[in-house]
PDB file of N, CA and C in Angstrom:
ATOM      1  N   MET A   1     -86.271  96.790  77.310  1.00  0.00           N
ATOM      2  CA  MET A   1     -86.807  95.465  76.748  1.00  0.00           C
ATOM      3  C   MET A   1     -85.939  95.036  75.543  1.00  0.00           C
ATOM      4  N   THR A   2     -85.474  93.651  76.008  1.00  0.00           N
ATOM      5  CA  THR A   2     -84.199  93.196  74.666  1.00  0.00           C
ATOM      6  C   THR A   2     -84.938  92.437  73.889  1.00  0.00           C
ATOM      7  N   VAL A   3     -84.614  93.024  72.750  1.00  0.00           N
ATOM      8  CA  VAL A   3     -85.509  92.032  71.461  1.00  0.00           C
ATOM      9  C   VAL A   3     -84.222  91.287  70.975  1.00  0.00           C
ATOM     10  N   ARG A   4     -85.213  89.764  70.913  1.00  0.00           N
ATOM     11  CA  ARG A   4     -84.278  88.929  70.551  1.00  0.00           C
ATOM     12  C   ARG A   4     -84.915  87.718  69.327  1.00  0.00           C
ATOM     13  N   LYS A   5     -84.143  87.283  68.634  1.00  0.00           N
ATOM     14  CA  LYS A   5     -84.807  86.583  67.857  1.00  0.00           C
ATOM     15  C   LYS A   5     -85.398  85.220  68.062  1.00  0.00           C
ATOM     16  N   ALA A   6     -86.435  84.752  67.726  1.00  0.00           N
ATOM     17  CA  ALA A   6     -87.311  83.839  68.175  1.00  0.00           C
ATOM     18  C   ALA A   6     -86.369  82.443  67.590  1.00  0.00           C
ATOM     19  N   MET A   7     -86.862  81.437  68.580  1.00  0.00           N
ATOM     20  CA  MET A   7     -86.142  80.092  68.517  1.00  0.00           C
ATOM     21  C   MET A   7     -87.749  79.052  68.352  1.00  0.00           C
ATOM     22  N   VAL A   8     -87.020  77.847  67.433  1.00  0.00           N
ATOM     23  CA  VAL A   8     -88.213  77.062  67.271  1.00  0.00           C
ATOM     24  C   VAL A   8     -88.947  76.985  68.486  1.00  0.00           C
ATOM     25  N   GLY A   9     -90.431  76.815  68.339  1.00  0.00           N
ATOM     26  CA  GLY A   9     -91.111  76.328  69.660  1.00  0.00           C
ATOM     27  C   GLY A   9     -91.598  77.585  70.418  1.00  0.00           C
ATOM     28  N   ASP A  10     -91.041  78.911  70.102  1.00  0.00           N
ATOM     29  CA  ASP A  10     -91.361  80.173  70.839  1.00  0.00           C
ATOM     30  C   ASP A  10     -92.776  80.769  69.848  1.00  0.00           C
ATOM     31  N   TYR A  11     -93.331  81.366  70.881  1.00  0.00           N
ATOM     32  CA  TYR A  11     -94.701  82.076  70.307  1.00  0.00           C
ATOM     33  C   TYR A  11     -94.346  83.267  70.117  1.00  0.00           C
ATOM     34  N   ILE A  12     -94.900  84.065  68.993  1.00  0.00           N
ATOM     35  CA  ILE A  12     -94.522  85.417  68.630  1.00  0.00           C
ATOM     36  C   ILE A  12     -95.791  85.954  68.151  1.00  0.00           C
ATOM     37  N   MET A  13     -95.975  87.717  68.127  1.00  0.00           N
ATOM     38  CA  MET A  13     -96.767  88.386  67.798  1.00  0.00           C
ATOM     39  C   MET A  13     -96.151  89.174  66.816  1.00  0.00           C
ATOM     40  N   SER A  14     -96.957  89.007  65.472  1.00  0.00           N
ATOM     41  CA  SER A  14     -96.110  89.798  64.373  1.00  0.00           C
ATOM     42  C   SER A  14     -97.042  91.334  64.669  1.00  0.00           C
ATOM     43  N   ILE A  15     -96.177  92.198  63.918  1.00  0.00           N
ATOM     44  CA  ILE A  15     -96.529  93.956  64.044  1.00  0.00           C
ATOM     45  C   ILE A  15     -98.125  93.810  63.534  1.00  0.00           C
ATOM     46  N   LYS A  16     -98.681  92.824  62.592  1.00  0.00           N
ATOM     47  CA  LYS A  16     -99.793  92.947  62.060  1.00  0.00           C
ATOM     48  C   LYS A  16    -100.917  92.303  62.517  1.00  0.00           C
ATOM     49  N   GLY A  17    -100.642  91.655  63.727  1.00  0.00           N
ATOM     50  CA  GLY A  17    -101.501  91.015  64.852  1.00  0.00           C
ATOM     51  C   GLY A  17    -101.874  89.191  64.411  1.00  0.00           C
ATOM     52  N   ILE A  18    -100.641  89.095  63.988  1.00  0.00           N
ATOM     53  CA  ILE A  18    -100.824  87.474  63.540  1.00  0.00           C
ATOM     54  C   ILE A  18    -100.101  87.005  64.942  1.00  0.00           C
ATOM     55  N   LYS A  19    -100.421  86.019  65.789  1.00  0.00           N
ATOM     56  CA  LYS A  19    -100.150  85.332  66.737  1.00  0.00           C
ATOM     57  C   LYS A  19     -99.680  83.492  66.322  1.00  0.00           C
ATOM     58  N   GLY A  20     -98.422  83.040  66.373  1.00  0.00           N
ATOM     59  CA  GLY A  20     -97.992  82.023  66.291  1.00  0.00           C
ATOM     60  C   GLY A  20     -97.120  81.245  66.983  1.00  0.00           C
ATOM     61  N   GLN A  21     -97.006  79.850  66.609  1.00  0.00           N
ATOM     62  CA  GLN A  21     -95.695  79.238  67.162  1.00  0.00           C
ATOM     63  C   GLN A  21     -94.538  78.960  65.920  1.00  0.00           C
ATOM     64  N   VAL A  22     -93.410  79.228  66.543  1.00  0.00           N
ATOM     65  CA  VAL A  22     -92.369  79.430  65.298  1.00  0.00           C
ATOM     66  C   VAL A  22     -92.083  77.700  64.999  1.00  0.00           C
ATOM     67  N   GLU A  23     -91.980  77.450  63.714  1.00  0.00           N
ATOM     68  CA  GLU A  23     -91.906  76.101  63.246  1.00  0.00           C
ATOM     69  C   GLU A  23     -90.044  76.076  62.887  1.00  0.00           C
ATOM     70  N   LYS A  24     -89.869  76.897  62.152  1.00  0.00           N
ATOM     71  CA  LYS A  24     -88.324  77.064  61.556  1.00  0.00           C
ATOM     72  C   LYS A  24     -87.745  78.507  61.519  1.00  0.00           C
ATOM     73  N   VAL A  25     -86.600  78.742  61.991  1.00  0.00           N
ATOM     74  CA  VAL A  25     -85.969  79.755  61.901  1.00  0.00           C
ATOM     75  C   VAL A  25     -84.896  80.029  60.608  1.00  0.00           C
ATOM     76  N   ASN A  26     -84.984  80.846  59.817  1.00  0.00           N
ATOM     77  CA  ASN A  26     -84.164  81.298  58.592  1.00  0.00           C
ATOM     78  C   ASN A  26     -83.380  82.666  59.020  1.00  0.00           C
ATOM     79  N   GLU A  27     -82.448  82.694  58.054  1.00  0.00           N
ATOM     80  CA  GLU A  27     -81.568  83.904  58.384  1.00  0.00           C
ATOM     81  C   GLU A  27     -82.372  85.451  58.511  1.00  0.00           C
ATOM     82  N   ASN A  28     -83.247  85.499  57.835  1.00  0.00           N
ATOM     83  CA  ASN A  28     -83.966  86.811  57.952  1.00  0.00           C
ATOM     84  C   ASN A  28     -85.523  86.508  58.173  1.00  0.00           C
ATOM     85  N   SER A  29     -86.036  85.520  58.331  1.00  0.00           N
ATOM     86  CA  SER A  29     -87.450  85.160  58.846  1.00  0.00           C
ATOM     87  C   SER A  29     -87.587  84.369  59.427  1.00  0.00           C
ATOM     88  N   VAL A  30     -88.773  83.779  60.049  1.00  0.00           N
ATOM     89  CA  VAL A  30     -89.155  82.763  60.603  1.00  0.00           C
ATOM     90  C   VAL A  30     -90.561  82.109  60.011  1.00  0.00           C
ATOM     91  N   ILE A  31     -90.796  80.767  60.155  1.00  0.00           N
ATOM     92  CA  ILE A  31     -91.806  80.476  59.324  1.00  0.00           C
ATOM     93  C   ILE A  31     -93.000  79.882  60.887  1.00  0.00           C
ATOM     94  N   ILE A  32     -94.250  80.406  60.701  1.00  0.00           N
ATOM     95  CA  ILE A  32     -94.856  80.232  62.346  1.00  0.00           C
ATOM     96  C   ILE A  32     -96.222  79.337  61.932  1.00  0.00           C
ATOM     97  N   GLU A  33     -96.749  78.588  62.438  1.00  0.00           N
ATOM     98  CA  GLU A  33     -98.107  77.974  62.704  1.00  0.00           C
ATOM     99  C   GLU A  33     -99.147  79.318  63.004  1.00  0.00           C
ATOM    100  N   ILE A  34     -99.981  79.522  62.418  1.00  0.00           N
ATOM    101  CA  ILE A  34    -100.843  80.433  62.865  1.00  0.00           C
ATOM    102  C   ILE A  34    -101.822  80.167  63.948  1.00  0.00           C
ATOM    103  N   ILE A  35    -101.851  80.581  65.045  1.00  0.00           N
ATOM    104  CA  ILE A  35    -102.864  80.524  66.457  1.00  0.00           C
ATOM    105  C   ILE A  35    -103.947  81.366  66.455  1.00  0.00           C
ATOM    106  N   GLU A  36    -103.605  82.908  66.193  1.00  0.00           N
ATOM    107  CA  GLU A  36    -104.554  83.853  66.312  1.00  0.00           C
ATOM    108  C   GLU A  36    -104.736  84.648  65.024  1.00  0.00           C
ATOM    109  N   ASN A  37    -105.480  85.169  64.232  1.00  0.00           N
ATOM    110  CA  ASN A  37    -105.214  85.887  63.171  1.00  0.00           C
ATOM    111  C   ASN A  37    -106.213  87.232  63.469  1.00  0.00           C
ATOM    112  N   LEU A  38    -105.561  88.287  64.226  1.00  0.00           N
ATOM    113  CA  LEU A  38    -106.436  89.479  64.296  1.00  0.00           C
ATOM    114  C   LEU A  38    -106.177  90.584  63.271  1.00  0.00           C
ATOM    115  N   SER A  39    -105.587  90.081  62.127  1.00  0.00           N
ATOM    116  CA  SER A  39    -105.064  91.147  60.762  1.00  0.00           C
ATOM    117  C   SER A  39    -106.307  91.027  59.989  1.00  0.00           C
ATOM    118  N   GLN A  40    -106.223  91.808  58.729  1.00  0.00           N
ATOM    119  CA  GLN A  40    -107.404  91.987  57.799  1.00  0.00           C
ATOM    120  C   GLN A  40    -106.654  90.804  56.720  1.00  0.00           C
ATOM    121  N   TYR A  41    -105.675  89.912  56.759  1.00  0.00           N
ATOM    122  CA  TYR A  41    -105.441  89.203  55.770  1.00  0.00           C
ATOM    123  C   TYR A  41    -106.127  87.760  56.069  1.00  0.00           C
ATOM    124  N   GLU A  42    -105.748  87.062  55.000  1.00  0.00           N
ATOM    125  CA  GLU A  42    -106.671  85.671  55.010  1.00  0.00           C
ATOM    126  C   GLU A  42    -105.460  84.750  54.462  1.00  0.00           C
ATOM    127  N   PHE A  43    -105.508  83.467  54.940  1.00  0.00           N
ATOM    128  CA  PHE A  43    -104.513  82.738  54.614  1.00  0.00           C
ATOM    129  C   PHE A  43    -105.144  81.181  54.331  1.00  0.00           C
ATOM    130  N   SER A  44    -104.577  80.842  53.066  1.00  0.00           N
ATOM    131  CA  SER A  44    -104.939  79.321  52.310  1.00  0.00           C
ATOM    132  C   SER A  44    -104.854  78.464  53.485  1.00  0.00           C
ATOM    133  N   ASN A  45    -103.623  78.723  54.438  1.00  0.00           N
ATOM    134  CA  ASN A  45    -103.466  77.454  55.046  1.00  0.00           C
ATOM    135  C   ASN A  45    -103.084  78.041  56.491  1.00  0.00           C
ATOM    136  N   ASN A  46    -102.575  77.046  57.415  1.00  0.00           N
ATOM    137  CA  ASN A  46    -102.438  77.988  58.713  1.00  0.00           C
ATOM    138  C   ASN A  46    -100.842  78.363  59.083  1.00  0.00           C
ATOM    139  N   ARG A  47    -100.193  78.564  57.946  1.00  0.00           N
ATOM    140  CA  ARG A  47     -98.819  79.054  58.231  1.00  0.00           C
ATOM    141  C   ARG A  47     -98.508  80.186  57.413  1.00  0.00           C
ATOM    142  N   THR A  48     -97.562  81.048  57.721  1.00  0.00           N
ATOM    143  CA  THR A  48     -97.016  82.132  57.141  1.00  0.00           C
ATOM    144  C   THR A  48     -95.551  82.478  57.461  1.00  0.00           C
ATOM    145  N   VAL A  49     -94.851  83.349  56.726  1.00  0.00           N
ATOM    146  CA  VAL A  49     -93.355  84.030  56.960  1.00  0.00           C
ATOM    147  C   VAL A  49     -93.332  85.275  57.386  1.00  0.00           C
ATOM    148  N   VAL A  50     -92.610  85.242  58.650  1.00  0.00           N
ATOM    149  CA  VAL A  50     -92.598  86.706  59.139  1.00  0.00           C
ATOM    150  C   VAL A  50     -91.111  86.927  59.133  1.00  0.00           C
ATOM    151  N   SER A  51     -90.800  88.352  59.027  1.00  0.00           N
ATOM    152  CA  SER A  51     -89.752  88.917  59.030  1.00  0.00           C
ATOM    153  C   SER A  51     -88.938  89.246  60.550  1.00  0.00           C
ATOM    154  N   HIS A  52     -87.974  88.875  60.996  1.00  0.00           N
ATOM    155  CA  HIS A  52     -87.250  88.984  62.358  1.00  0.00           C
ATOM    156  C   HIS A  52     -87.549  90.436  62.788  1.00  0.00           C
ATOM    157  N   LYS A  53     -87.513  91.530  61.618  1.00  0.00           N
ATOM    158  CA  LYS A  53     -88.047  92.945  62.028  1.00  0.00           C
ATOM    159  C   LYS A  53     -89.384  93.009  62.546  1.00  0.00           C
ATOM    160  N   ASN A  54     -90.276  92.349  62.169  1.00  0.00           N
ATOM    161  CA  ASN A  54     -91.794  92.407  62.280  1.00  0.00           C
ATOM    162  C   ASN A  54     -92.455  91.373  63.349  1.00  0.00           C
ATOM    163  N   TYR A  55     -91.734  91.218  64.576  1.00  0.00           N
ATOM    164  CA  TYR A  55     -92.563  90.524  65.574  1.00  0.00           C
ATOM    165  C   TYR A  55     -91.778  90.423  66.877  1.00  0.00           C
ATOM    166  N   ILE A  56     -92.435  90.513  67.854  1.00  0.00           N
ATOM    167  CA  ILE A  56     -91.781  90.137  69.404  1.00  0.00           C
ATOM    168  C   ILE A  56     -92.283  88.909  69.843  1.00  0.00           C
ATOM    169  N   VAL A  57     -91.310  88.464  70.637  1.00  0.00           N
ATOM    170  CA  VAL A  57     -91.395  87.163  71.455  1.00  0.00           C
ATOM    171  C   VAL A  57     -92.395  87.447  72.796  1.00  0.00           C
ATOM    172  N   VAL A  58     -93.458  86.458  72.725  1.00  0.00           N
ATOM    173  CA  VAL A  58     -94.229  86.670  73.865  1.00  0.00           C
ATOM    174  C   VAL A  58     -94.254  85.372  74.914  1.00  0.00           C
TER     175      VAL A  58
END
């Protein structure tokens, strides 16, 4: 399996269980709009930052 960096519009799943759509790609991370949150974390809005090391493109 080849691991690749996400691009704007891709759907990703973080290793913590957060699924979302990529809105912006930065050098070391992506900003996603959260679609599904299976983690123990709560977010005050529906966006978060995920490191490139901590997700897979689905």
